[in-house]
Amino acid sequence: MSQAKNWGFICKIDKQGKYQILPQVSTERWKLQLAEEEKWLLFVGDIPQIFCHPSDVLAFLERRRTIKTFTPPNSLRK
C-alpha cells in the first residue's frame, strides 16, 4: 500500500477493517480491497471482478497513476 500512496492513490481502511486502494480520479469506479494475506480483489462498480497478486496490483496501479509533471509538446504551444 505504501507504493500506492506514493503514487497518489487513496489508501484507507473500511468499516470492516479491510485495506482499500481507491483511484486518484473520483469518477473512476474501481477499487482494490485486500481479501487475504497476499491477494487483492478488484471491484468495478462495487462488483467483485478478479483476485490479484501484489505484483499484478502494482502493474494495474502503475498504468493508472497520474503523472503530475506533464509538459505539452512544442508543436501544441503557440
N, C-alpha and C. Protein backbone atom coordinates (compact mmCIF):
# COMPACT_ATOMS: atom_id res chain seq x y z
N MET A 1 0.81 -1.20 0.00
CA MET A 1 0.00 0.00 0.00
C MET A 1 0.85 1.25 0.00
N SER A 2 2.06 1.16 0.48
CA SER A 2 2.90 2.35 0.53
C SER A 2 3.23 2.87 -0.87
N GLN A 3 3.44 1.97 -1.83
CA GLN A 3 3.71 2.42 -3.20
C GLN A 3 2.48 3.10 -3.79
N ALA A 4 1.31 2.55 -3.52
CA ALA A 4 0.07 3.17 -3.99
C ALA A 4 -0.08 4.57 -3.42
N LYS A 5 0.22 4.73 -2.16
CA LYS A 5 0.13 6.04 -1.51
C LYS A 5 1.15 7.00 -2.12
N ASN A 6 2.37 6.52 -2.39
CA ASN A 6 3.40 7.35 -3.01
C ASN A 6 2.98 7.83 -4.40
N TRP A 7 2.23 7.02 -5.11
CA TRP A 7 1.75 7.37 -6.44
C TRP A 7 0.50 8.24 -6.40
N GLY A 8 -0.04 8.51 -5.23
CA GLY A 8 -1.17 9.41 -5.10
C GLY A 8 -2.54 8.76 -5.03
N PHE A 9 -2.58 7.45 -4.89
CA PHE A 9 -3.87 6.77 -4.75
C PHE A 9 -4.36 6.95 -3.31
N ILE A 10 -5.67 6.85 -3.13
CA ILE A 10 -6.27 6.97 -1.81
C ILE A 10 -6.21 5.60 -1.15
N CYS A 11 -5.59 5.53 0.01
CA CYS A 11 -5.47 4.27 0.74
C CYS A 11 -6.19 4.44 2.08
N LYS A 12 -7.08 3.50 2.37
CA LYS A 12 -7.84 3.62 3.61
C LYS A 12 -8.23 2.24 4.13
N ILE A 13 -8.84 2.23 5.29
CA ILE A 13 -9.37 1.01 5.90
C ILE A 13 -10.88 1.20 6.01
N ASP A 14 -11.65 0.22 5.50
CA ASP A 14 -13.11 0.36 5.54
C ASP A 14 -13.66 0.00 6.92
N LYS A 15 -14.97 0.02 7.06
CA LYS A 15 -15.62 -0.23 8.36
C LYS A 15 -15.39 -1.64 8.88
N GLN A 16 -15.13 -2.60 7.97
CA GLN A 16 -14.85 -3.97 8.37
C GLN A 16 -13.36 -4.22 8.63
N GLY A 17 -12.55 -3.17 8.53
CA GLY A 17 -11.13 -3.30 8.79
C GLY A 17 -10.32 -3.79 7.60
N LYS A 18 -10.88 -3.73 6.40
CA LYS A 18 -10.19 -4.18 5.19
C LYS A 18 -9.47 -3.01 4.53
N TYR A 19 -8.21 -3.25 4.14
CA TYR A 19 -7.44 -2.24 3.43
C TYR A 19 -8.01 -2.05 2.04
N GLN A 20 -8.09 -0.80 1.59
CA GLN A 20 -8.59 -0.48 0.27
C GLN A 20 -7.68 0.54 -0.42
N ILE A 21 -7.60 0.40 -1.74
CA ILE A 21 -6.92 1.38 -2.58
C ILE A 21 -7.96 1.90 -3.56
N LEU A 22 -8.11 3.22 -3.60
CA LEU A 22 -9.11 3.86 -4.45
C LEU A 22 -8.42 4.71 -5.50
N PRO A 23 -9.10 4.96 -6.63
CA PRO A 23 -8.48 5.73 -7.71
C PRO A 23 -8.19 7.17 -7.34
N GLN A 24 -7.25 7.75 -8.08
CA GLN A 24 -6.90 9.16 -7.91
C GLN A 24 -8.03 10.05 -8.42
N VAL A 25 -8.72 9.60 -9.45
CA VAL A 25 -9.81 10.36 -10.08
C VAL A 25 -11.13 9.81 -9.56
N SER A 26 -11.91 10.66 -8.92
CA SER A 26 -13.14 10.20 -8.26
C SER A 26 -14.20 9.65 -9.21
N THR A 27 -14.12 9.95 -10.49
CA THR A 27 -15.12 9.44 -11.43
C THR A 27 -14.85 8.00 -11.86
N GLU A 28 -13.64 7.49 -11.59
CA GLU A 28 -13.35 6.09 -11.90
C GLU A 28 -14.05 5.21 -10.88
N ARG A 29 -14.56 4.07 -11.32
CA ARG A 29 -15.43 3.25 -10.48
C ARG A 29 -14.78 1.96 -9.99
N TRP A 30 -13.49 1.91 -9.87
CA TRP A 30 -12.83 0.70 -9.40
C TRP A 30 -12.27 0.92 -7.99
N LYS A 31 -12.01 -0.18 -7.32
CA LYS A 31 -11.27 -0.14 -6.05
C LYS A 31 -10.62 -1.51 -5.87
N LEU A 32 -9.54 -1.52 -5.12
CA LEU A 32 -8.85 -2.76 -4.75
C LEU A 32 -9.02 -2.94 -3.26
N GLN A 33 -9.31 -4.17 -2.86
CA GLN A 33 -9.50 -4.45 -1.44
C GLN A 33 -8.70 -5.68 -1.07
N LEU A 34 -7.95 -5.61 0.02
CA LEU A 34 -7.17 -6.74 0.47
C LEU A 34 -8.13 -7.81 0.97
N ALA A 35 -8.10 -8.97 0.30
CA ALA A 35 -9.04 -10.04 0.62
C ALA A 35 -8.40 -11.09 1.53
N GLU A 36 -7.17 -11.42 1.22
CA GLU A 36 -6.41 -12.38 2.00
C GLU A 36 -5.02 -11.81 2.19
N GLU A 37 -4.18 -12.54 2.87
CA GLU A 37 -2.84 -12.02 3.18
C GLU A 37 -2.07 -11.56 1.96
N GLU A 38 -2.14 -12.26 0.86
CA GLU A 38 -1.37 -11.93 -0.33
C GLU A 38 -2.24 -11.69 -1.57
N LYS A 39 -3.54 -11.56 -1.40
CA LYS A 39 -4.42 -11.37 -2.56
C LYS A 39 -5.31 -10.16 -2.38
N TRP A 40 -5.41 -9.40 -3.47
CA TRP A 40 -6.30 -8.25 -3.53
C TRP A 40 -7.46 -8.59 -4.45
N LEU A 41 -8.62 -8.04 -4.17
CA LEU A 41 -9.80 -8.23 -5.01
C LEU A 41 -10.12 -6.92 -5.70
N LEU A 42 -10.21 -6.97 -7.03
CA LEU A 42 -10.56 -5.79 -7.82
C LEU A 42 -12.08 -5.71 -7.94
N PHE A 43 -12.62 -4.56 -7.56
CA PHE A 43 -14.05 -4.28 -7.72
C PHE A 43 -14.20 -3.22 -8.81
N VAL A 44 -15.19 -3.39 -9.64
CA VAL A 44 -15.56 -2.36 -10.61
C VAL A 44 -17.04 -2.10 -10.41
N GLY A 45 -17.36 -0.87 -10.04
CA GLY A 45 -18.76 -0.53 -9.76
C GLY A 45 -19.34 -1.36 -8.64
N ASP A 46 -18.56 -1.63 -7.59
CA ASP A 46 -18.96 -2.43 -6.42
C ASP A 46 -19.22 -3.90 -6.73
N ILE A 47 -18.82 -4.36 -7.91
CA ILE A 47 -18.97 -5.77 -8.27
C ILE A 47 -17.58 -6.41 -8.30
N PRO A 48 -17.35 -7.46 -7.48
CA PRO A 48 -16.04 -8.10 -7.48
C PRO A 48 -15.74 -8.72 -8.84
N GLN A 49 -14.48 -8.53 -9.30
CA GLN A 49 -14.11 -8.98 -10.64
C GLN A 49 -13.06 -10.10 -10.63
N ILE A 50 -11.92 -9.85 -9.95
CA ILE A 50 -10.81 -10.79 -10.05
C ILE A 50 -9.87 -10.63 -8.86
N PHE A 51 -9.27 -11.76 -8.43
CA PHE A 51 -8.24 -11.72 -7.41
C PHE A 51 -6.91 -11.38 -8.08
N CYS A 52 -6.10 -10.56 -7.41
CA CYS A 52 -4.81 -10.13 -7.95
C CYS A 52 -3.71 -10.37 -6.93
N HIS A 53 -2.56 -10.79 -7.42
CA HIS A 53 -1.36 -10.87 -6.58
C HIS A 53 -0.76 -9.48 -6.46
N PRO A 54 0.06 -9.23 -5.46
CA PRO A 54 0.64 -7.90 -5.27
C PRO A 54 1.35 -7.36 -6.51
N SER A 55 2.04 -8.21 -7.27
CA SER A 55 2.72 -7.73 -8.49
C SER A 55 1.72 -7.27 -9.54
N ASP A 56 0.57 -7.95 -9.62
CA ASP A 56 -0.49 -7.54 -10.54
C ASP A 56 -1.09 -6.20 -10.12
N VAL A 57 -1.24 -6.01 -8.81
CA VAL A 57 -1.79 -4.76 -8.29
C VAL A 57 -0.87 -3.60 -8.64
N LEU A 58 0.43 -3.79 -8.46
CA LEU A 58 1.39 -2.73 -8.80
C LEU A 58 1.34 -2.39 -10.28
N ALA A 59 1.25 -3.40 -11.14
CA ALA A 59 1.16 -3.15 -12.58
C ALA A 59 -0.14 -2.41 -12.92
N PHE A 60 -1.24 -2.81 -12.31
CA PHE A 60 -2.54 -2.15 -12.51
C PHE A 60 -2.46 -0.68 -12.10
N LEU A 61 -1.91 -0.43 -10.92
CA LEU A 61 -1.83 0.95 -10.42
C LEU A 61 -0.86 1.79 -11.24
N GLU A 62 0.25 1.20 -11.67
CA GLU A 62 1.23 1.95 -12.45
C GLU A 62 0.62 2.45 -13.75
N ARG A 63 -0.22 1.64 -14.38
CA ARG A 63 -0.87 2.06 -15.63
C ARG A 63 -1.92 3.14 -15.39
N ARG A 64 -2.42 3.26 -14.17
CA ARG A 64 -3.48 4.22 -13.89
C ARG A 64 -3.04 5.45 -13.11
N ARG A 65 -1.79 5.48 -12.69
CA ARG A 65 -1.38 6.64 -11.90
C ARG A 65 -1.27 7.88 -12.76
N THR A 66 -1.54 9.00 -12.15
CA THR A 66 -1.50 10.29 -12.82
C THR A 66 -0.11 10.88 -12.66
N ILE A 67 0.53 11.18 -13.76
CA ILE A 67 1.82 11.85 -13.73
C ILE A 67 1.53 13.35 -13.70
N LYS A 68 1.98 14.03 -12.66
CA LYS A 68 1.61 15.44 -12.47
C LYS A 68 2.55 16.40 -13.18
N THR A 69 3.62 15.92 -13.77
CA THR A 69 4.59 16.82 -14.41
C THR A 69 4.48 16.71 -15.93
N PHE A 70 3.32 16.94 -16.49
CA PHE A 70 3.08 16.85 -17.92
C PHE A 70 3.41 18.18 -18.57
N THR A 71 4.19 18.12 -19.63
CA THR A 71 4.52 19.31 -20.42
C THR A 71 4.04 19.05 -21.84
N PRO A 72 3.18 19.91 -22.40
CA PRO A 72 2.69 19.69 -23.76
C PRO A 72 3.84 19.75 -24.77
N PRO A 73 3.74 18.99 -25.84
CA PRO A 73 4.76 19.04 -26.89
C PRO A 73 4.88 20.44 -27.48
N ASN A 74 6.04 20.78 -28.01
CA ASN A 74 6.28 22.11 -28.59
C ASN A 74 5.32 22.44 -29.71
N SER A 75 4.89 21.43 -30.46
CA SER A 75 4.02 21.69 -31.60
C SER A 75 2.63 22.21 -31.17
N LEU A 76 2.26 21.98 -29.90
CA LEU A 76 0.95 22.45 -29.44
C LEU A 76 1.02 23.83 -28.78
N ARG A 77 2.21 24.32 -28.51
CA ARG A 77 2.35 25.63 -27.89
C ARG A 77 2.23 26.73 -28.95
N LYS A 78 1.65 27.84 -28.56
CA LYS A 78 1.50 28.95 -29.51
C LYS A 78 1.97 30.22 -28.89
